N, C-alpha and C. Protein backbone atom coordinates (compact mmCIF):
# COMPACT_ATOMS: atom_id res chain seq x y z
N MET A 1 44.36 48.03 38.54
CA MET A 1 43.84 47.76 37.74
C MET A 1 43.88 46.44 36.70
N CYS A 2 42.92 45.80 36.29
CA CYS A 2 43.44 44.51 35.33
C CYS A 2 43.57 45.07 33.94
N ASP A 3 44.74 44.99 33.36
CA ASP A 3 45.06 45.10 32.00
C ASP A 3 44.53 44.05 31.05
N LEU A 4 43.26 44.15 30.22
CA LEU A 4 42.73 43.22 29.61
C LEU A 4 43.45 42.77 28.55
N GLY A 5 44.68 43.65 27.86
CA GLY A 5 45.41 42.99 26.74
C GLY A 5 46.52 42.19 27.25
N LYS A 6 46.71 42.09 28.50
CA LYS A 6 47.75 41.20 29.17
C LYS A 6 47.25 39.95 29.36
N ALA A 7 48.06 38.68 28.88
CA ALA A 7 47.36 37.61 28.91
C ALA A 7 47.89 37.17 30.44
N ARG A 8 47.34 36.19 31.00
CA ARG A 8 47.50 35.73 32.40
C ARG A 8 48.68 35.04 32.58
N TRP A 9 49.04 34.28 31.53
CA TRP A 9 50.57 33.74 31.69
C TRP A 9 51.61 34.61 31.21
N ASP A 10 51.54 35.78 31.29
CA ASP A 10 52.56 36.61 31.11
C ASP A 10 53.25 36.89 32.05
N THR A 11 52.54 36.94 33.29
CA THR A 11 53.15 36.94 34.55
C THR A 11 53.91 35.81 35.40
N LEU A 12 54.79 35.75 36.30
CA LEU A 12 55.28 34.60 36.83
C LEU A 12 54.05 33.82 37.52
N GLU A 13 53.35 34.79 38.41
CA GLU A 13 52.35 34.01 39.09
C GLU A 13 51.21 33.41 38.16
N GLY A 14 50.89 34.20 37.14
CA GLY A 14 49.84 33.61 36.07
C GLY A 14 50.55 32.28 35.50
N PHE A 15 51.91 32.29 35.04
CA PHE A 15 52.54 31.20 34.50
C PHE A 15 52.35 29.99 35.52
N VAL A 16 52.80 30.39 36.90
CA VAL A 16 52.67 29.01 37.81
C VAL A 16 51.37 28.64 37.92
N PHE A 17 50.26 29.61 38.03
CA PHE A 17 48.91 29.03 38.23
C PHE A 17 48.38 28.32 37.11
N LEU A 18 48.68 28.97 35.87
CA LEU A 18 48.30 27.96 34.78
C LEU A 18 48.77 26.68 34.68
N TRP A 19 50.22 26.45 35.09
CA TRP A 19 50.85 25.04 34.93
C TRP A 19 50.45 24.18 36.05
N ILE A 20 49.91 24.65 37.09
CA ILE A 20 49.58 23.81 38.33
C ILE A 20 47.94 23.46 38.04
N SER A 21 47.31 24.64 37.47
CA SER A 21 45.98 24.03 37.12
C SER A 21 45.76 23.10 35.93
N GLN A 22 46.72 23.18 35.29
CA GLN A 22 46.92 22.14 33.97
C GLN A 22 47.52 20.61 34.52
N SER A 23 48.18 20.88 35.43
CA SER A 23 48.63 19.54 35.91
C SER A 23 47.58 18.61 36.78
N LEU A 24 46.76 19.98 37.56
CA LEU A 24 45.70 19.16 38.71
C LEU A 24 44.49 19.03 37.32
N CYS A 25 44.33 19.19 36.41
CA CYS A 25 43.04 18.87 35.35
C CYS A 25 43.76 17.53 34.75
N ASN A 26 45.07 17.67 34.27
CA ASN A 26 45.46 16.31 33.98
C ASN A 26 45.46 15.11 34.66
N GLY A 27 45.98 15.39 35.93
CA GLY A 27 45.86 14.53 37.14
C GLY A 27 44.56 14.01 37.46
N LEU A 28 43.37 14.79 37.38
CA LEU A 28 41.99 14.44 37.65
C LEU A 28 41.53 13.52 36.61
N PHE A 29 42.14 13.91 35.28
CA PHE A 29 41.62 13.13 33.98
C PHE A 29 42.08 11.67 34.24
N LEU A 30 43.42 11.63 34.43
CA LEU A 30 44.18 10.37 34.42
C LEU A 30 43.44 9.44 35.48
N PHE A 31 43.56 9.89 36.61
CA PHE A 31 42.76 9.44 37.90
C PHE A 31 41.61 8.76 37.41
N SER A 32 40.48 9.34 36.59
CA SER A 32 39.16 8.97 36.51
C SER A 32 39.21 8.08 35.26
N VAL A 33 40.16 8.02 34.46
CA VAL A 33 40.21 7.24 33.31
C VAL A 33 40.84 5.76 33.95
N PHE A 34 42.13 5.83 34.86
CA PHE A 34 42.32 4.73 35.06
C PHE A 34 41.71 3.98 36.25
N GLY A 35 40.87 4.66 36.76
CA GLY A 35 39.80 4.17 37.85
C GLY A 35 38.63 3.57 36.86
N LEU A 36 38.20 4.14 36.03
CA LEU A 36 37.15 3.45 34.84
C LEU A 36 37.66 1.94 34.43
N ILE A 37 38.88 2.13 33.82
CA ILE A 37 39.52 0.93 33.48
C ILE A 37 39.98 -0.27 34.77
N TRP A 38 40.13 0.31 35.53
CA TRP A 38 40.50 -0.55 36.91
C TRP A 38 39.25 -1.12 37.31
N ALA A 39 37.97 -0.36 37.24
CA ALA A 39 36.59 -0.77 37.81
C ALA A 39 36.06 -1.68 36.94
N VAL A 40 36.61 -1.75 35.31
CA VAL A 40 36.08 -2.76 34.53
C VAL A 40 36.76 -3.97 34.40
N VAL A 41 38.06 -3.70 34.30
CA VAL A 41 39.05 -4.75 34.03
C VAL A 41 39.82 -5.50 35.26
N ALA A 42 40.39 -4.48 35.85
CA ALA A 42 41.17 -4.63 37.22
C ALA A 42 42.50 -5.58 36.79
N PRO A 43 43.18 -4.96 35.77
CA PRO A 43 44.68 -5.77 35.61
C PRO A 43 45.56 -5.15 36.55
N ASN A 44 46.63 -6.06 36.98
CA ASN A 44 47.66 -5.59 37.78
C ASN A 44 48.40 -3.99 37.28
N TRP A 45 48.73 -3.99 36.03
CA TRP A 45 49.46 -2.80 35.32
C TRP A 45 48.49 -1.52 35.50
N VAL A 46 47.12 -1.57 35.43
CA VAL A 46 46.29 -0.45 35.76
C VAL A 46 46.36 0.01 37.03
N ASP A 47 46.38 -1.10 38.22
CA ASP A 47 46.71 -0.72 39.61
C ASP A 47 47.75 -0.04 39.91
N ARG A 48 48.91 -0.34 39.17
CA ARG A 48 50.12 0.40 39.71
C ARG A 48 50.00 1.57 38.75
N LEU A 49 49.52 1.74 37.86
CA LEU A 49 49.46 3.36 37.23
C LEU A 49 48.24 4.39 37.89
N PHE A 50 47.28 3.68 38.72
CA PHE A 50 46.16 4.26 39.16
C PHE A 50 47.00 4.79 40.58
N GLN A 51 47.75 3.69 41.12
CA GLN A 51 48.61 4.55 42.29
C GLN A 51 49.43 5.55 41.93
N ARG A 52 49.89 5.23 40.98
CA ARG A 52 51.10 6.65 40.55
C ARG A 52 50.16 7.81 40.41
N ALA A 53 49.07 7.64 39.51
CA ALA A 53 48.35 8.73 39.35
C ALA A 53 47.47 9.41 40.56
N ALA A 54 47.20 8.73 41.39
CA ALA A 54 46.78 9.11 42.86
C ALA A 54 47.78 9.93 43.67
N ARG A 55 49.11 9.25 43.51
CA ARG A 55 50.22 9.94 44.53
C ARG A 55 50.40 11.37 43.51
N ASN A 56 50.41 11.23 42.29
CA ASN A 56 50.63 12.63 41.52
C ASN A 56 49.63 13.75 41.66
N LEU A 57 48.42 13.16 41.93
CA LEU A 57 47.29 14.17 42.17
C LEU A 57 47.23 14.85 43.51
N ILE A 58 47.71 13.99 44.31
CA ILE A 58 47.84 14.32 45.89
C ILE A 58 48.95 15.51 45.74
N LEU A 59 49.94 15.11 45.30
CA LEU A 59 51.26 16.09 45.12
C LEU A 59 50.86 17.26 44.62
N VAL A 60 50.15 17.03 43.30
CA VAL A 60 49.88 18.56 42.78
C VAL A 60 48.76 19.15 43.50
N LEU A 61 47.75 18.67 44.57
CA LEU A 61 46.86 19.55 45.19
C LEU A 61 47.69 20.14 46.16
N PHE A 62 48.32 19.27 46.87
CA PHE A 62 49.04 19.98 47.87
C PHE A 62 50.13 20.96 47.55
N VAL A 63 50.45 21.14 46.11
CA VAL A 63 51.46 22.16 45.97
C VAL A 63 50.32 23.45 45.47
N PHE A 64 49.07 23.11 44.95
CA PHE A 64 48.10 24.23 44.48
C PHE A 64 47.78 24.72 45.79
N CYS A 65 47.57 24.05 46.57
CA CYS A 65 47.06 24.45 48.25
C CYS A 65 47.97 25.34 48.82
N LEU A 66 49.02 25.16 48.86
CA LEU A 66 50.36 25.76 49.40
C LEU A 66 50.65 26.94 48.63
N LEU A 67 50.95 26.87 47.36
CA LEU A 67 51.07 28.02 46.52
C LEU A 67 49.88 29.12 46.68
N SER A 68 48.67 28.49 46.60
CA SER A 68 47.55 29.47 46.84
C SER A 68 47.25 29.89 48.30
N LEU A 69 47.59 29.47 49.09
CA LEU A 69 47.54 30.27 50.49
C LEU A 69 48.09 31.66 50.75
N PRO A 70 49.07 31.85 50.39
CA PRO A 70 49.41 33.53 50.52
C PRO A 70 48.33 34.54 49.57
N TYR A 71 47.94 34.10 48.58
CA TYR A 71 46.90 34.67 47.72
C TYR A 71 45.57 34.85 48.29
N VAL A 72 45.33 33.73 49.00
CA VAL A 72 43.99 33.85 49.88
C VAL A 72 44.34 34.32 51.24
N LEU A 73 45.39 34.26 51.87
CA LEU A 73 45.17 35.21 53.23
C LEU A 73 45.35 36.75 52.45
N TRP A 74 45.99 37.01 51.73
CA TRP A 74 45.81 38.58 50.97
C TRP A 74 44.39 38.82 50.88
N ALA A 75 43.80 38.06 49.96
CA ALA A 75 42.29 38.46 49.66
C ALA A 75 41.61 38.57 50.99
N LEU A 76 41.84 37.95 52.06
CA LEU A 76 41.05 37.82 52.97
C LEU A 76 41.47 39.22 54.05
N PHE A 77 42.38 39.50 54.10
CA PHE A 77 42.95 40.51 55.06
C PHE A 77 43.17 41.88 54.31
N ARG A 78 43.03 42.16 52.98
CA ARG A 78 43.20 43.33 52.46
C ARG A 78 42.20 44.20 52.99
N ALA A 79 42.51 45.34 53.10
CA ALA A 79 41.32 46.52 53.35
C ALA A 79 40.52 47.03 52.37
């Protein structure tokens, strides 16, 4: 059963999930802001930051999918 008095970040899994989800949201935010600036102005420094944000977003999505896979498989195959 779920203990309603316990926060999600009190466990290791909750902390990792919270950290990855925050990184994912931050990456999506930066990706969209840099994309908007790049679409309006298109300076060279924004292009470099946009490429870095895209690489970080891809990395965070990969780690999120990789760490979520055991939970997904557990949820699919539990009786």
